[in-house]
């Protein structure tokens, strides 16, 4: 008799499958205020691992962590016209505090370019103070009209980097370095998520930036998700806040700046990229629980063996959880761990004890097989690396097989409506074609060069526009 499905099948209703999985894998719940979320321990464990991996990469670039206030004077945002216009519909504004009306309303930060520049203008005096490389891990609020857990919430967690440089070239190169060495490396080698790296069109560019770099990934239903962005801010904020430095030549110059960020949206991306009809599949390098060792029954000898195997696997450098909750039915526990996407389950019962074996269930490729318990510590690291590679291979194969090269707007719309992406020469599309696609809820996710690299300029000859329906 086939087991009843725990989740709505993806092919039947992908959005419902996503919501089912978020809840049943205990990743998050909706918060009490519309658009907010409570991240549960298992979901937060994924975020902590993401933080740790990205934080290490960020620090390798010479960037240091700091913290800036949650509340920003409203007047700060009005100093950069494009910035305030871009964020105005999303702002949450505090008008009262301590029982009194505030002399000046305070904005709950939607991003920190303005307040960072207020302090950069104090900290930067000469060329010796540059480059100034700062990152913060924080929360932001952007009032969301159509919330969806992890993907679009009114409050979310993120990191935001802010840097100041002496020249345009230094700022440009640093923004590209972050995109490549921090974000690209993290997505590929930790999340096992394939991506396209490109530059945003003027319509899609970050408010106040002169150029926005993006990494776009294809989800399981063929839609696109903007994973991370890195912005060249030029001198726009430096001019608004008079962030200047004394050059080697003795002249006062405006700094050149970047900002860049990644968010808890990546947990949603993880679900939609790697999840299947049985639940989540977590890449082993990311997983805060790589192996769960389950006791099938409450026999004392079995419990002792389960704990011994857990200790041995931890000693081998694996992240292990021992599940000896034998008052909970084994089948329920196995399904729960499968939903959570733990890469490997080691199941031990009385019969396994007699045979010196355990049943090894691999979540990513699927399947079960008996394995000698004394070989697990040497075997599992190799198998987990195989599973990590398989997830990236599957993610890349999906994007490549569902991306179509087209030459007309109609063909682009047809390819995307069929559940994939389209590539069309930007010269054949242009801003007018971009607007026409937007009427059908289709967007130009980014511009890429013919060889798939990031083009030097938006209007560079041979640019291709990547068109998709997006989250």
Protein backbone atom coordinates (compact mmCIF):
# COMPACT_ATOMS: atom_id res chain seq x y z
CA UNK A 1 0.00 0.00 0.00
CA UNK A 2 1.50 3.34 -1.06
CA UNK A 3 2.01 5.88 1.71
CA UNK A 4 -0.27 8.92 1.70
CA UNK A 5 1.51 12.07 0.54
CA UNK A 6 2.52 14.44 3.34
CA UNK A 7 2.90 17.39 0.94
CA UNK A 8 0.88 18.67 -1.98
CA UNK A 9 2.70 17.35 -5.08
CA UNK A 10 4.79 20.03 -6.78
CA UNK A 11 3.28 19.28 -10.18
CA UNK A 12 -0.23 19.88 -8.81
CA UNK A 13 0.35 23.18 -7.01
CA UNK A 14 3.91 24.43 -6.58
CA UNK A 15 3.03 27.41 -4.31
CA UNK A 16 0.94 25.16 -2.04
CA UNK A 17 3.76 22.57 -1.96
CA UNK A 18 6.14 25.35 -0.89
CA UNK A 19 3.86 26.52 1.93
CA UNK A 20 3.27 22.91 3.05
CA UNK A 21 6.99 22.22 3.20
CA UNK A 22 7.87 25.40 5.10
CA UNK A 23 5.35 24.44 7.77
CA UNK A 24 5.81 20.69 7.98
CA UNK A 25 9.62 20.83 7.91
CA UNK A 26 9.35 23.31 10.80
CA UNK A 27 11.26 26.09 9.05
CA UNK A 28 9.02 29.05 9.88
CA UNK A 29 5.55 30.27 10.86
CA UNK A 30 3.71 33.46 9.98
CA UNK A 31 4.22 36.22 12.54
CA UNK A 32 1.40 38.08 14.32
CA UNK A 33 1.78 41.18 12.12
CA UNK A 34 0.95 40.58 8.46
CA UNK A 35 4.13 39.98 6.45
CA UNK A 36 6.33 39.03 9.40
CA UNK A 37 7.66 35.57 10.18
CA UNK A 38 8.90 33.50 13.08
CA UNK A 39 11.93 31.47 12.02
CA UNK A 40 11.86 28.17 13.88
CA UNK A 41 15.03 26.51 15.24
CA UNK A 42 15.55 24.17 12.27
CA UNK A 43 15.14 27.04 9.79
CA UNK A 44 17.34 29.32 11.88
CA UNK A 45 20.01 26.62 11.98
CA UNK A 46 20.15 26.82 8.18
CA UNK A 47 20.49 30.61 8.39
CA UNK A 48 23.29 30.34 10.97
CA UNK A 49 25.24 28.07 8.63
CA UNK A 50 24.66 30.49 5.75
CA UNK A 51 25.86 33.35 7.96
CA UNK A 52 28.99 31.50 8.99
CA UNK A 53 29.94 30.53 5.43
CA UNK A 54 29.32 33.99 3.98
CA UNK A 55 30.84 35.83 6.92
CA UNK A 56 34.12 33.96 6.47
CA UNK A 57 34.18 34.83 2.76
CA UNK A 58 33.31 38.48 3.45
CA UNK A 59 36.13 38.80 5.96
CA UNK A 60 38.59 37.30 3.48
CA UNK A 61 38.05 40.44 1.34
CA UNK A 62 39.25 42.62 4.23
CA UNK A 63 35.74 43.70 5.21
CA UNK A 64 34.93 44.13 8.91
CA UNK A 65 31.59 43.79 10.68
CA UNK A 66 29.88 46.72 12.39
CA UNK A 67 26.36 47.70 13.40
CA UNK A 68 24.20 50.72 12.56
CA UNK A 69 20.88 51.78 14.15
CA UNK A 70 17.51 50.34 13.20
CA UNK A 71 15.88 53.79 13.24
CA UNK A 72 16.99 56.36 10.67
CA UNK A 73 15.94 60.05 10.65
CA UNK A 74 13.47 60.50 7.81
CA UNK A 75 15.45 63.48 6.51
CA UNK A 76 18.42 61.20 5.73
CA UNK A 77 16.46 59.34 3.06
CA UNK A 78 15.37 62.53 1.32
CA UNK A 79 18.98 63.55 0.58
CA UNK A 80 19.28 61.07 -2.31
CA UNK A 81 16.26 61.58 -4.58
CA UNK A 82 16.29 58.27 -6.49
CA UNK A 83 16.80 56.35 -3.25
CA UNK A 84 13.83 57.81 -1.41
CA UNK A 85 11.61 57.52 -4.48
CA UNK A 86 12.52 53.86 -4.89
CA UNK A 87 11.80 52.94 -1.27
CA UNK A 88 8.90 55.28 -0.44
CA UNK A 89 6.11 52.69 -0.94
CA UNK A 90 7.87 50.20 1.36
CA UNK A 91 8.74 52.44 4.30
CA UNK A 92 7.57 51.93 7.88
CA UNK A 93 7.71 55.25 9.75
CA UNK A 94 7.77 55.79 13.53
CA UNK A 95 6.00 59.03 14.52
CA UNK A 96 5.58 58.56 18.28
CA UNK A 97 7.90 57.37 21.05
CA UNK A 98 7.70 57.51 24.83
CA UNK A 99 4.11 58.65 24.60
CA UNK A 100 5.01 61.77 22.59
CA UNK A 101 5.10 62.75 18.95
CA UNK A 102 8.68 62.76 17.67
CA UNK A 103 10.19 66.03 16.49
CA UNK A 104 11.29 64.20 13.36
CA UNK A 105 9.78 60.90 12.20
CA UNK A 106 12.17 57.95 12.12
CA UNK A 107 12.18 55.37 9.34
CA UNK A 108 12.66 51.70 10.24
CA UNK A 109 15.63 50.91 8.03
CA UNK A 110 14.78 49.47 4.62
CA UNK A 111 18.54 49.48 3.90
CA UNK A 112 21.38 51.49 5.42
CA UNK A 113 23.09 53.50 2.67
CA UNK A 114 21.96 56.81 4.15
CA UNK A 115 22.92 56.26 7.78
CA UNK A 116 26.17 54.56 6.79
CA UNK A 117 27.12 57.62 4.74
CA UNK A 118 26.33 59.92 7.65
CA UNK A 119 29.12 58.15 9.54
CA UNK A 120 31.42 57.50 6.60
CA UNK A 121 31.51 61.27 6.12
CA UNK A 122 32.89 61.54 9.67
CA UNK A 123 35.28 58.60 9.49
CA UNK A 124 36.87 59.31 6.12
CA UNK A 125 39.29 62.24 6.15
CA UNK A 126 42.10 61.34 3.77
CA UNK A 127 43.19 58.73 1.24
CA UNK A 128 44.82 56.88 4.15
CA UNK A 129 41.33 56.00 5.45
CA UNK A 130 40.43 54.23 2.20
CA UNK A 131 39.23 51.75 1.26
CA UNK A 132 36.69 51.62 4.10
CA UNK A 133 35.06 48.19 4.05
CA UNK A 134 32.13 47.59 6.40
CA UNK A 135 29.47 44.88 6.67
CA UNK A 136 26.59 44.42 9.07
CA UNK A 137 24.32 41.49 9.90
CA UNK A 138 20.93 42.92 10.74
CA UNK A 139 17.21 43.03 10.02
CA UNK A 140 15.35 45.45 7.74
CA UNK A 141 11.71 46.34 7.17
CA UNK A 142 10.13 46.83 3.75
CA UNK A 143 6.35 46.85 3.93
CA UNK A 144 5.31 43.94 1.75
CA UNK A 145 1.88 43.85 0.12
CA UNK A 146 2.06 40.21 -1.06
CA UNK A 147 4.02 38.34 1.63
CA UNK A 148 5.33 34.81 1.29
CA UNK A 149 7.52 33.18 3.94
CA UNK A 150 11.25 33.72 3.28
CA UNK A 151 10.63 35.04 -0.25
CA UNK A 152 8.86 38.30 0.54
CA UNK A 153 8.35 39.36 4.14
CA UNK A 154 7.96 42.79 5.69
CA UNK A 155 10.88 42.10 8.01
CA UNK A 156 13.80 39.90 7.00
CA UNK A 157 17.34 39.14 8.09
CA UNK A 158 20.31 39.93 5.91
CA UNK A 159 23.84 41.14 5.61
CA UNK A 160 24.58 44.44 3.93
CA UNK A 161 28.05 45.53 2.93
CA UNK A 162 29.01 49.19 2.42
CA UNK A 163 32.36 50.35 1.11
CA UNK A 164 34.09 53.59 0.15
CA UNK A 165 36.99 53.82 -2.32
CA UNK A 166 39.30 56.43 -3.78
CA UNK A 167 38.49 55.70 -7.43
CA UNK A 168 35.66 54.47 -9.62
CA UNK A 169 37.78 51.52 -10.80
CA UNK A 170 38.46 50.34 -7.25
CA UNK A 171 34.77 50.48 -6.34
CA UNK A 172 33.71 48.76 -9.58
CA UNK A 173 36.24 45.97 -9.11
CA UNK A 174 35.30 45.45 -5.46
CA UNK A 175 31.59 45.11 -6.29
CA UNK A 176 32.50 42.49 -8.90
CA UNK A 177 34.81 40.72 -6.45
CA UNK A 178 32.03 40.41 -3.87
CA UNK A 179 29.74 39.01 -6.53
CA UNK A 180 32.33 36.46 -7.62
CA UNK A 181 34.35 35.49 -4.53
CA UNK A 182 31.69 35.81 -1.83
CA UNK A 183 28.28 35.23 -3.36
CA UNK A 184 29.10 33.15 -6.41
CA UNK A 185 31.42 30.85 -4.48
CA UNK A 186 28.89 30.48 -1.67
CA UNK A 187 25.96 29.67 -3.95
CA UNK A 188 27.89 27.14 -6.00
CA UNK A 189 30.03 25.46 -3.38
CA UNK A 190 27.77 25.57 -0.32
CA UNK A 191 24.16 25.92 -1.45
CA UNK A 192 24.80 23.86 -4.62
CA UNK A 193 22.57 26.29 -6.54
CA UNK A 194 23.38 27.14 -10.14
CA UNK A 195 23.07 30.78 -11.24
CA UNK A 196 23.48 33.28 -14.04
CA UNK A 197 25.64 36.30 -13.25
CA UNK A 198 24.72 39.53 -15.01
CA UNK A 199 23.90 43.21 -14.71
CA UNK A 200 20.46 44.67 -14.14
CA UNK A 201 18.77 46.90 -16.70
CA UNK A 202 18.17 50.55 -15.78
CA UNK A 203 14.56 49.67 -14.89
CA UNK A 204 15.60 46.93 -12.48
CA UNK A 205 18.62 48.72 -10.97
CA UNK A 206 18.81 49.42 -7.21
CA UNK A 207 17.44 52.84 -6.31
CA UNK A 208 20.40 55.24 -6.18
CA UNK A 209 22.92 52.94 -7.90
CA UNK A 210 24.70 53.48 -11.22
CA UNK A 211 25.02 49.73 -11.81
CA UNK A 212 23.61 46.62 -10.15
CA UNK A 213 25.14 43.16 -10.50
CA UNK A 214 22.92 40.18 -9.80
CA UNK A 215 22.97 36.39 -9.50
CA UNK A 216 19.73 34.85 -10.75
CA UNK A 217 18.76 31.21 -10.17
CA UNK A 218 16.04 29.00 -11.62
CA UNK A 219 13.64 27.47 -9.13
CA UNK A 220 11.99 24.07 -9.48
CA UNK A 221 8.99 25.51 -11.32
CA UNK A 222 11.11 27.38 -13.87
CA UNK A 223 10.67 30.82 -12.32
CA UNK A 224 13.64 33.04 -11.47
CA UNK A 225 14.72 34.25 -8.06
CA UNK A 226 17.15 37.10 -7.51
CA UNK A 227 19.60 35.54 -5.09
CA UNK A 228 21.97 38.41 -4.28
CA UNK A 229 22.92 41.83 -5.63
CA UNK A 230 26.00 44.00 -5.59
CA UNK A 231 25.69 47.70 -6.42
CA UNK A 232 28.04 50.33 -7.75
CA UNK A 233 26.74 53.49 -6.11
CA UNK A 234 29.09 55.84 -7.96
CA UNK A 235 29.25 59.13 -6.04
CA UNK A 236 25.51 59.62 -5.58
CA UNK A 237 25.43 59.07 -1.81
CA UNK A 238 28.87 60.61 -1.33
CA UNK A 239 27.60 63.80 -2.95
CA UNK A 240 24.39 63.83 -0.90
CA UNK A 241 26.28 63.33 2.39
CA UNK A 242 29.51 65.11 1.41
CA UNK A 243 31.64 62.03 2.01
CA UNK A 244 35.00 63.41 0.90
CA UNK A 245 38.68 62.63 1.37
CA UNK A 246 41.94 64.52 0.99
CA UNK A 247 43.78 62.98 -1.97
CA UNK A 248 47.53 62.40 -2.22
CA UNK A 249 47.63 65.51 -4.39
CA UNK A 250 46.03 67.60 -1.64
CA UNK A 251 42.60 68.00 -3.23
CA UNK A 252 39.21 67.25 -1.71
CA UNK A 253 37.51 64.40 -3.59
CA UNK A 254 34.23 62.53 -3.25
CA UNK A 255 34.56 58.81 -2.50
CA UNK A 256 33.23 56.09 -4.79
CA UNK A 257 31.00 53.51 -3.13
CA UNK A 258 29.45 50.05 -3.25
CA UNK A 259 26.74 48.24 -1.33
CA UNK A 260 25.79 44.57 -1.51
CA UNK A 261 23.49 42.19 0.30
CA UNK A 262 22.02 38.72 0.75
CA UNK A 263 18.98 37.73 2.79
CA UNK A 264 16.96 34.95 4.39
CA UNK A 265 15.35 34.70 0.93
CA UNK A 266 18.08 32.12 0.31
CA UNK A 267 16.26 29.68 2.59
CA UNK A 268 13.28 29.96 0.27
CA UNK A 269 15.61 29.43 -2.68
CA UNK A 270 17.01 26.33 -1.01
CA UNK A 271 13.51 24.90 -0.66
CA UNK A 272 12.39 25.69 -4.22
CA UNK A 273 15.64 24.57 -5.86
CA UNK A 274 16.34 21.30 -4.09
CA UNK A 275 13.02 20.26 -2.56
CA UNK A 276 11.02 17.32 -3.90
CA UNK A 277 7.63 15.76 -3.18
CA UNK A 278 9.01 14.18 0.00
CA UNK A 279 10.37 17.42 1.44
CA UNK A 280 13.54 19.43 1.61
CA UNK A 281 16.98 18.21 0.48
CA UNK A 282 19.75 20.10 2.26
CA UNK A 283 23.23 20.27 0.68
CA UNK A 284 25.64 18.47 3.02
CA UNK A 285 28.09 21.37 3.21
CA UNK A 286 25.28 23.63 4.41
CA UNK A 287 23.42 21.20 6.66
CA UNK A 288 23.68 21.93 10.38
CA UNK A 289 22.61 18.30 10.79
CA UNK A 290 24.40 16.20 8.19
CA UNK A 291 23.59 12.82 9.72
CA UNK A 292 20.84 11.73 12.07
CA UNK A 293 21.33 8.42 13.89
CA UNK A 294 17.97 6.88 14.79
CA UNK A 295 17.18 4.19 17.31
CA UNK A 296 14.39 2.03 15.89
CA UNK A 297 13.39 0.60 19.29
CA UNK A 298 14.06 1.44 22.92
CA UNK A 299 16.25 -1.54 23.71
CA UNK A 300 19.11 -0.36 25.98
CA UNK A 301 21.73 -2.07 23.84
CA UNK A 302 20.34 -0.32 20.75
CA UNK A 303 20.33 3.07 22.49
CA UNK A 304 23.91 2.55 23.62
CA UNK A 305 24.97 1.66 20.07
CA UNK A 306 23.15 4.65 18.56
CA UNK A 307 24.96 7.02 20.94
CA UNK A 308 28.28 5.32 20.30
CA UNK A 309 27.86 5.65 16.52
CA UNK A 310 26.87 9.29 16.95
CA UNK A 311 30.04 10.00 18.94
CA UNK A 312 32.18 8.21 16.38
CA UNK A 313 30.70 10.21 13.50
CA UNK A 314 31.18 13.50 15.37
CA UNK A 315 34.80 12.56 15.95
CA UNK A 316 35.10 12.13 12.17
CA UNK A 317 34.08 15.78 11.76
CA UNK A 318 30.42 15.29 10.85
CA UNK A 319 27.52 17.33 12.24
CA UNK A 320 25.35 14.69 13.92
CA UNK A 321 22.03 14.47 15.75
CA UNK A 322 21.16 11.34 17.74
CA UNK A 323 17.44 10.60 17.74
CA UNK A 324 16.75 8.24 20.62
CA UNK A 325 13.15 9.37 21.17
CA UNK A 326 11.76 5.85 21.14
CA UNK A 327 8.51 7.04 22.73
CA UNK A 328 7.76 8.55 19.29
CA UNK A 329 6.97 5.98 16.56
CA UNK A 330 9.96 5.28 14.33
CA UNK A 331 8.00 5.82 11.11
CA UNK A 332 6.92 9.29 12.17
CA UNK A 333 10.48 10.25 13.09
CA UNK A 334 11.87 8.94 9.80
CA UNK A 335 9.31 10.94 7.82
CA UNK A 336 10.07 14.08 9.85
CA UNK A 337 13.79 13.85 9.13
CA UNK A 338 13.05 13.17 5.48
CA UNK A 339 10.87 16.30 5.36
CA UNK A 340 13.70 18.31 6.91
CA UNK A 341 16.07 17.04 4.24
CA UNK A 342 18.88 15.76 6.48
CA UNK A 343 21.36 14.28 3.97
CA UNK A 344 21.85 10.91 5.70
CA UNK A 345 19.91 8.78 8.16
CA UNK A 346 21.58 5.93 10.02
CA UNK A 347 18.90 3.61 11.40
CA UNK A 348 19.77 1.00 14.02
CA UNK A 349 17.52 -1.67 15.56
CA UNK A 350 17.99 -4.99 17.38
CA UNK A 351 18.56 -6.96 14.15
CA UNK A 352 21.18 -4.45 12.99
CA UNK A 353 22.90 -4.82 16.34
CA UNK A 354 23.19 -8.57 15.83
CA UNK A 355 24.61 -8.14 12.32
CA UNK A 356 26.98 -5.26 13.12
CA UNK A 357 25.21 -3.14 10.51
CA UNK A 358 22.98 -0.10 10.19
CA UNK A 359 20.50 0.90 7.51
CA UNK A 360 21.85 3.95 5.65
CA UNK A 361 19.22 6.14 3.95
CA UNK A 362 20.55 8.86 1.64
CA UNK A 363 18.09 11.71 1.21
CA UNK A 364 19.52 13.35 -1.90
CA UNK A 365 19.84 10.48 -4.40
CA UNK A 366 17.33 8.38 -2.45
CA UNK A 367 17.54 4.74 -1.49
CA UNK A 368 18.57 2.62 1.49
CA UNK A 369 21.21 -0.03 2.03
CA UNK A 370 22.72 -1.91 4.98
CA UNK A 371 26.25 -0.77 5.88
CA UNK A 372 28.68 -2.11 8.48
CA UNK A 373 28.62 0.33 11.39
CA UNK A 374 32.39 0.35 11.74
CA UNK A 375 32.74 1.67 8.16
CA UNK A 376 30.32 4.62 8.50
CA UNK A 377 32.86 7.17 9.73
CA UNK A 378 35.09 6.53 6.73
CA UNK A 379 32.28 6.15 4.19
CA UNK A 380 29.91 9.02 4.93
CA UNK A 381 32.20 12.00 4.15
CA UNK A 382 32.76 10.65 0.63
CA UNK A 383 29.06 9.95 0.06
CA UNK A 384 28.08 13.40 1.31
CA UNK A 385 30.46 15.06 -1.12
CA UNK A 386 28.91 12.99 -3.93
CA UNK A 387 25.46 14.19 -2.85
CA UNK A 388 26.64 17.81 -2.75
CA UNK A 389 27.89 17.54 -6.34
CA UNK A 390 24.66 15.84 -7.47
CA UNK A 391 22.51 18.73 -6.23
CA UNK A 392 24.56 21.30 -8.15
CA UNK A 393 24.48 19.10 -11.25
CA UNK A 394 20.69 18.83 -11.04
CA UNK A 395 20.27 22.57 -10.51
CA UNK A 396 22.47 23.38 -13.51
CA UNK A 397 20.81 20.77 -15.73
CA UNK A 398 17.39 22.26 -14.96
CA UNK A 399 18.43 25.75 -16.01
CA UNK A 400 20.22 24.63 -19.15
CA UNK A 401 17.39 22.35 -20.32
CA UNK A 402 14.70 24.98 -19.69
CA UNK A 403 16.43 28.03 -21.20
CA UNK A 404 15.55 28.85 -24.82
CA UNK A 405 17.34 31.20 -27.21
CA UNK A 406 14.81 33.35 -29.08
CA UNK A 407 14.82 36.32 -31.44
CA UNK A 408 11.43 37.95 -30.89
CA UNK A 409 9.39 39.25 -27.98
CA UNK A 410 6.58 36.82 -28.79
CA UNK A 411 8.98 33.86 -28.71
CA UNK A 412 10.41 35.05 -25.38
CA UNK A 413 6.93 35.27 -23.86
CA UNK A 414 6.04 31.83 -25.20
CA UNK A 415 9.21 30.22 -23.77
CA UNK A 416 8.67 31.76 -20.34
CA UNK A 417 4.97 30.91 -20.26
CA UNK A 418 5.93 27.28 -20.95
CA UNK A 419 7.83 27.27 -17.67
CA UNK A 420 11.40 28.32 -18.39
CA UNK A 421 13.69 31.20 -19.28
CA UNK A 422 14.39 32.92 -22.57
CA UNK A 423 17.54 34.60 -23.88
CA UNK A 424 16.99 37.34 -26.44
CA UNK A 425 19.44 39.89 -27.90
CA UNK A 426 19.03 43.14 -25.96
CA UNK A 427 19.32 45.01 -29.27
CA UNK A 428 16.12 43.24 -30.40
CA UNK A 429 14.34 43.90 -27.11
CA UNK A 430 15.41 47.24 -25.64
CA UNK A 431 13.51 49.28 -23.07
CA UNK A 432 10.34 49.27 -25.17
CA UNK A 433 10.33 45.47 -25.37
CA UNK A 434 11.12 45.26 -21.66
CA UNK A 435 8.03 47.35 -20.96
CA UNK A 436 5.88 45.14 -23.21
CA UNK A 437 7.05 42.01 -21.39
CA UNK A 438 6.30 43.66 -18.04
CA UNK A 439 2.65 43.95 -19.11
CA UNK A 440 2.61 40.14 -19.08
CA UNK A 441 4.38 39.98 -15.68
CA UNK A 442 7.62 38.92 -17.37
CA UNK A 443 10.88 40.64 -16.44
CA UNK A 444 14.38 41.01 -17.77
CA UNK A 445 16.28 39.41 -14.92
CA UNK A 446 19.70 40.53 -16.14
CA UNK A 447 21.90 41.22 -19.12
CA UNK A 448 24.73 38.84 -19.98
CA UNK A 449 27.40 38.77 -22.68
CA UNK A 450 27.35 36.19 -25.47
CA UNK A 451 29.81 34.02 -23.55
CA UNK A 452 27.69 34.16 -20.40
CA UNK A 453 29.91 36.65 -18.57
CA UNK A 454 28.84 39.99 -17.11
CA UNK A 455 28.92 42.72 -19.79
CA UNK A 456 30.98 45.86 -19.22
CA UNK A 457 28.08 48.14 -20.12
CA UNK A 458 24.31 47.90 -20.40
CA UNK A 459 24.41 48.82 -24.09
CA UNK A 460 27.45 46.69 -25.00
CA UNK A 461 27.10 45.05 -28.45
CA UNK A 462 25.90 41.45 -28.29
CA UNK A 463 24.26 41.65 -24.87
CA UNK A 464 21.60 39.03 -24.21
CA UNK A 465 18.59 39.68 -22.00
CA UNK A 466 17.56 36.83 -19.71
CA UNK A 467 13.77 36.91 -19.49
CA UNK A 468 11.72 35.03 -16.89
CA UNK A 469 8.72 35.10 -14.64
CA UNK A 470 10.09 35.89 -11.21
CA UNK A 471 9.31 35.58 -7.52
